Amino acid sequence: LTEWVPRIKEMERSASRVHALMNNNYSNYSVKNAQQLEKLLEAWQK
């Protein structure tokens, strides 16, 4: 997920809202990954 953080942050500069979709095919990973991504985005510094 770490490699997505700079991409998402760049998109935020030119969009009023950015959405990230998670695939939930197995074992609730999408929820866990979304929570992890949220923490990474909050901690990100350029």
PDB file of N, CA and C in Angstrom:
ATOM      1  N   LEU A   1       0.811  -1.207   0.000  1.00  0.00           N
ATOM      2  CA  LEU A   1       0.000   0.000   0.000  1.00  0.00           C
ATOM      3  C   LEU A   1       0.849   1.264   0.000  1.00  0.00           C
ATOM      4  N   THR A   2       2.044   1.148   0.493  1.00  0.00           N
ATOM      5  CA  THR A   2       2.909   2.320   0.627  1.00  0.00           C
ATOM      6  C   THR A   2       3.133   3.026  -0.703  1.00  0.00           C
ATOM      7  N   GLU A   3       3.257   2.254  -1.777  1.00  0.00           N
ATOM      8  CA  GLU A   3       3.516   2.877  -3.082  1.00  0.00           C
ATOM      9  C   GLU A   3       2.330   3.693  -3.591  1.00  0.00           C
ATOM     10  N   TRP A   4       1.160   3.479  -3.052  1.00  0.00           N
ATOM     11  CA  TRP A   4      -0.023   4.244  -3.466  1.00  0.00           C
ATOM     12  C   TRP A   4      -0.125   5.609  -2.796  1.00  0.00           C
ATOM     13  N   VAL A   5       0.521   5.783  -1.663  1.00  0.00           N
ATOM     14  CA  VAL A   5       0.381   7.023  -0.899  1.00  0.00           C
ATOM     15  C   VAL A   5       0.784   8.256  -1.704  1.00  0.00           C
ATOM     16  N   PRO A   6       1.978   8.309  -2.314  1.00  0.00           N
ATOM     17  CA  PRO A   6       2.327   9.505  -3.092  1.00  0.00           C
ATOM     18  C   PRO A   6       1.378   9.742  -4.268  1.00  0.00           C
ATOM     19  N   ARG A   7       0.910   8.680  -4.880  1.00  0.00           N
ATOM     20  CA  ARG A   7      -0.033   8.814  -6.003  1.00  0.00           C
ATOM     21  C   ARG A   7      -1.350   9.435  -5.540  1.00  0.00           C
ATOM     22  N   ILE A   8      -1.848   8.944  -4.432  1.00  0.00           N
ATOM     23  CA  ILE A   8      -3.110   9.470  -3.903  1.00  0.00           C
ATOM     24  C   ILE A   8      -2.938  10.918  -3.470  1.00  0.00           C
ATOM     25  N   LYS A   9      -1.829  11.213  -2.810  1.00  0.00           N
ATOM     26  CA  LYS A   9      -1.577  12.588  -2.373  1.00  0.00           C
ATOM     27  C   LYS A   9      -1.476  13.529  -3.571  1.00  0.00           C
ATOM     28  N   GLU A  10      -0.882  13.075  -4.653  1.00  0.00           N
ATOM     29  CA  GLU A  10      -0.799  13.894  -5.866  1.00  0.00           C
ATOM     30  C   GLU A  10      -2.192  14.138  -6.444  1.00  0.00           C
ATOM     31  N   MET A  11      -3.024  13.116  -6.449  1.00  0.00           N
ATOM     32  CA  MET A  11      -4.397  13.273  -6.944  1.00  0.00           C
ATOM     33  C   MET A  11      -5.175  14.269  -6.100  1.00  0.00           C
ATOM     34  N   GLU A  12      -4.920  14.278  -4.794  1.00  0.00           N
ATOM     35  CA  GLU A  12      -5.616  15.208  -3.894  1.00  0.00           C
ATOM     36  C   GLU A  12      -5.360  16.666  -4.259  1.00  0.00           C
ATOM     37  N   ARG A  13      -4.237  16.926  -4.874  1.00  0.00           N
ATOM     38  CA  ARG A  13      -3.888  18.302  -5.228  1.00  0.00           C
ATOM     39  C   ARG A  13      -4.787  18.859  -6.328  1.00  0.00           C
ATOM     40  N   SER A  14      -5.332  17.975  -7.168  1.00  0.00           N
ATOM     41  CA  SER A  14      -6.130  18.453  -8.299  1.00  0.00           C
ATOM     42  C   SER A  14      -7.581  17.978  -8.267  1.00  0.00           C
ATOM     43  N   ALA A  15      -7.994  17.368  -7.169  1.00  0.00           N
ATOM     44  CA  ALA A  15      -9.368  16.871  -7.071  1.00  0.00           C
ATOM     45  C   ALA A  15      -9.969  17.284  -5.730  1.00  0.00           C
ATOM     46  N   SER A  16     -11.265  17.486  -5.728  1.00  0.00           N
ATOM     47  CA  SER A  16     -11.914  17.838  -4.466  1.00  0.00           C
ATOM     48  C   SER A  16     -12.122  16.613  -3.577  1.00  0.00           C
ATOM     49  N   ARG A  17     -12.137  15.432  -4.199  1.00  0.00           N
ATOM     50  CA  ARG A  17     -12.342  14.199  -3.447  1.00  0.00           C
ATOM     51  C   ARG A  17     -11.647  13.054  -4.179  1.00  0.00           C
ATOM     52  N   VAL A  18     -10.987  12.180  -3.436  1.00  0.00           N
ATOM     53  CA  VAL A  18     -10.316  11.013  -4.012  1.00  0.00           C
ATOM     54  C   VAL A  18     -10.843   9.773  -3.297  1.00  0.00           C
ATOM     55  N   HIS A  19     -11.224   8.767  -4.068  1.00  0.00           N
ATOM     56  CA  HIS A  19     -11.725   7.512  -3.504  1.00  0.00           C
ATOM     57  C   HIS A  19     -10.742   6.391  -3.822  1.00  0.00           C
ATOM     58  N   ALA A  20     -10.584   5.471  -2.901  1.00  0.00           N
ATOM     59  CA  ALA A  20      -9.776   4.271  -3.123  1.00  0.00           C
ATOM     60  C   ALA A  20     -10.687   3.067  -2.917  1.00  0.00           C
ATOM     61  N   LEU A  21     -10.710   2.184  -3.880  1.00  0.00           N
ATOM     62  CA  LEU A  21     -11.548   0.989  -3.796  1.00  0.00           C
ATOM     63  C   LEU A  21     -10.703  -0.201  -3.384  1.00  0.00           C
ATOM     64  N   MET A  22     -11.250  -1.025  -2.516  1.00  0.00           N
ATOM     65  CA  MET A  22     -10.562  -2.211  -2.031  1.00  0.00           C
ATOM     66  C   MET A  22     -11.362  -3.449  -2.428  1.00  0.00           C
ATOM     67  N   ASN A  23     -10.667  -4.485  -2.854  1.00  0.00           N
ATOM     68  CA  ASN A  23     -11.296  -5.744  -3.219  1.00  0.00           C
ATOM     69  C   ASN A  23     -11.417  -6.607  -1.962  1.00  0.00           C
ATOM     70  N   ASN A  24     -12.608  -7.116  -1.693  1.00  0.00           N
ATOM     71  CA  ASN A  24     -12.850  -7.893  -0.478  1.00  0.00           C
ATOM     72  C   ASN A  24     -13.141  -9.354  -0.799  1.00  0.00           C
ATOM     73  N   ASN A  25     -12.289  -9.981  -1.593  1.00  0.00           N
ATOM     74  CA  ASN A  25     -12.520 -11.371  -1.965  1.00  0.00           C
ATOM     75  C   ASN A  25     -12.193 -12.365  -0.857  1.00  0.00           C
ATOM     76  N   TYR A  26     -11.305 -12.006   0.051  1.00  0.00           N
ATOM     77  CA  TYR A  26     -10.830 -13.010   0.998  1.00  0.00           C
ATOM     78  C   TYR A  26     -10.550 -12.417   2.373  1.00  0.00           C
ATOM     79  N   SER A  27     -11.129 -12.969   3.372  1.00  0.00           N
ATOM     80  CA  SER A  27     -10.747 -12.791   4.770  1.00  0.00           C
ATOM     81  C   SER A  27     -10.721 -11.349   5.274  1.00  0.00           C
ATOM     82  N   ASN A  28     -11.648 -10.529   4.800  1.00  0.00           N
ATOM     83  CA  ASN A  28     -11.793  -9.170   5.332  1.00  0.00           C
ATOM     84  C   ASN A  28     -10.568  -8.281   5.101  1.00  0.00           C
ATOM     85  N   TYR A  29      -9.729  -8.631   4.117  1.00  0.00           N
ATOM     86  CA  TYR A  29      -8.511  -7.852   3.868  1.00  0.00           C
ATOM     87  C   TYR A  29      -8.798  -6.431   3.422  1.00  0.00           C
ATOM     88  N   SER A  30      -9.902  -6.211   2.739  1.00  0.00           N
ATOM     89  CA  SER A  30     -10.164  -4.849   2.259  1.00  0.00           C
ATOM     90  C   SER A  30     -10.336  -3.875   3.417  1.00  0.00           C
ATOM     91  N   VAL A  31     -10.998  -4.298   4.460  1.00  0.00           N
ATOM     92  CA  VAL A  31     -11.186  -3.427   5.627  1.00  0.00           C
ATOM     93  C   VAL A  31      -9.843  -3.163   6.301  1.00  0.00           C
ATOM     94  N   LYS A  32      -9.064  -4.214   6.490  1.00  0.00           N
ATOM     95  CA  LYS A  32      -7.747  -4.064   7.119  1.00  0.00           C
ATOM     96  C   LYS A  32      -6.835  -3.185   6.268  1.00  0.00           C
ATOM     97  N   ASN A  33      -6.847  -3.398   4.954  1.00  0.00           N
ATOM     98  CA  ASN A  33      -6.016  -2.595   4.064  1.00  0.00           C
ATOM     99  C   ASN A  33      -6.469  -1.145   4.028  1.00  0.00           C
ATOM    100  N   ALA A  34      -7.763  -0.911   4.060  1.00  0.00           N
ATOM    101  CA  ALA A  34      -8.271   0.467   4.068  1.00  0.00           C
ATOM    102  C   ALA A  34      -7.827   1.188   5.338  1.00  0.00           C
ATOM    103  N   GLN A  35      -7.871   0.505   6.461  1.00  0.00           N
ATOM    104  CA  GLN A  35      -7.420   1.107   7.718  1.00  0.00           C
ATOM    105  C   GLN A  35      -5.921   1.393   7.677  1.00  0.00           C
ATOM    106  N   GLN A  36      -5.170   0.474   7.112  1.00  0.00           N
ATOM    107  CA  GLN A  36      -3.724   0.668   6.993  1.00  0.00           C
ATOM    108  C   GLN A  36      -3.417   1.833   6.050  1.00  0.00           C
ATOM    109  N   LEU A  37      -4.118   1.905   4.933  1.00  0.00           N
ATOM    110  CA  LEU A  37      -3.910   2.997   3.982  1.00  0.00           C
ATOM    111  C   LEU A  37      -4.255   4.336   4.620  1.00  0.00           C
ATOM    112  N   GLU A  38      -5.320   4.376   5.384  1.00  0.00           N
ATOM    113  CA  GLU A  38      -5.700   5.610   6.071  1.00  0.00           C
ATOM    114  C   GLU A  38      -4.578   6.088   6.995  1.00  0.00           C
ATOM    115  N   LYS A  39      -3.986   5.173   7.742  1.00  0.00           N
ATOM    116  CA  LYS A  39      -2.885   5.534   8.640  1.00  0.00           C
ATOM    117  C   LYS A  39      -1.670   6.021   7.855  1.00  0.00           C
ATOM    118  N   LEU A  40      -1.375   5.363   6.745  1.00  0.00           N
ATOM    119  CA  LEU A  40      -0.247   5.777   5.913  1.00  0.00           C
ATOM    120  C   LEU A  40      -0.466   7.171   5.339  1.00  0.00           C
ATOM    121  N   LEU A  41      -1.688   7.442   4.895  1.00  0.00           N
ATOM    122  CA  LEU A  41      -1.993   8.759   4.331  1.00  0.00           C
ATOM    123  C   LEU A  41      -1.910   9.851   5.393  1.00  0.00           C
ATOM    124  N   GLU A  42      -2.360   9.551   6.584  1.00  0.00           N
ATOM    125  CA  GLU A  42      -2.299  10.530   7.674  1.00  0.00           C
ATOM    126  C   GLU A  42      -0.855  10.823   8.077  1.00  0.00           C
ATOM    127  N   ALA A  43       0.010   9.823   8.002  1.00  0.00           N
ATOM    128  CA  ALA A  43       1.399   9.975   8.429  1.00  0.00           C
ATOM    129  C   ALA A  43       2.307  10.502   7.319  1.00  0.00           C
ATOM    130  N   TRP A  44       1.811  10.537   6.093  1.00  0.00           N
ATOM    131  CA  TRP A  44       2.647  10.898   4.936  1.00  0.00           C
ATOM    132  C   TRP A  44       3.112  12.336   4.997  1.00  0.00           C
ATOM    133  N   GLN A  45       4.395  12.487   4.734  1.00  0.00           N
ATOM    134  CA  GLN A  45       4.967  13.823   4.585  1.00  0.00           C
ATOM    135  C   GLN A  45       5.838  13.809   3.347  1.00  0.00           C
ATOM    136  N   LYS A  46       5.671  14.815   2.536  1.00  0.00           N
ATOM    137  CA  LYS A  46       6.402  14.891   1.270  1.00  0.00           C
ATOM    138  C   LYS A  46       7.851  15.232   1.501  1.00  0.00           C
TER     139      LYS A  46
END
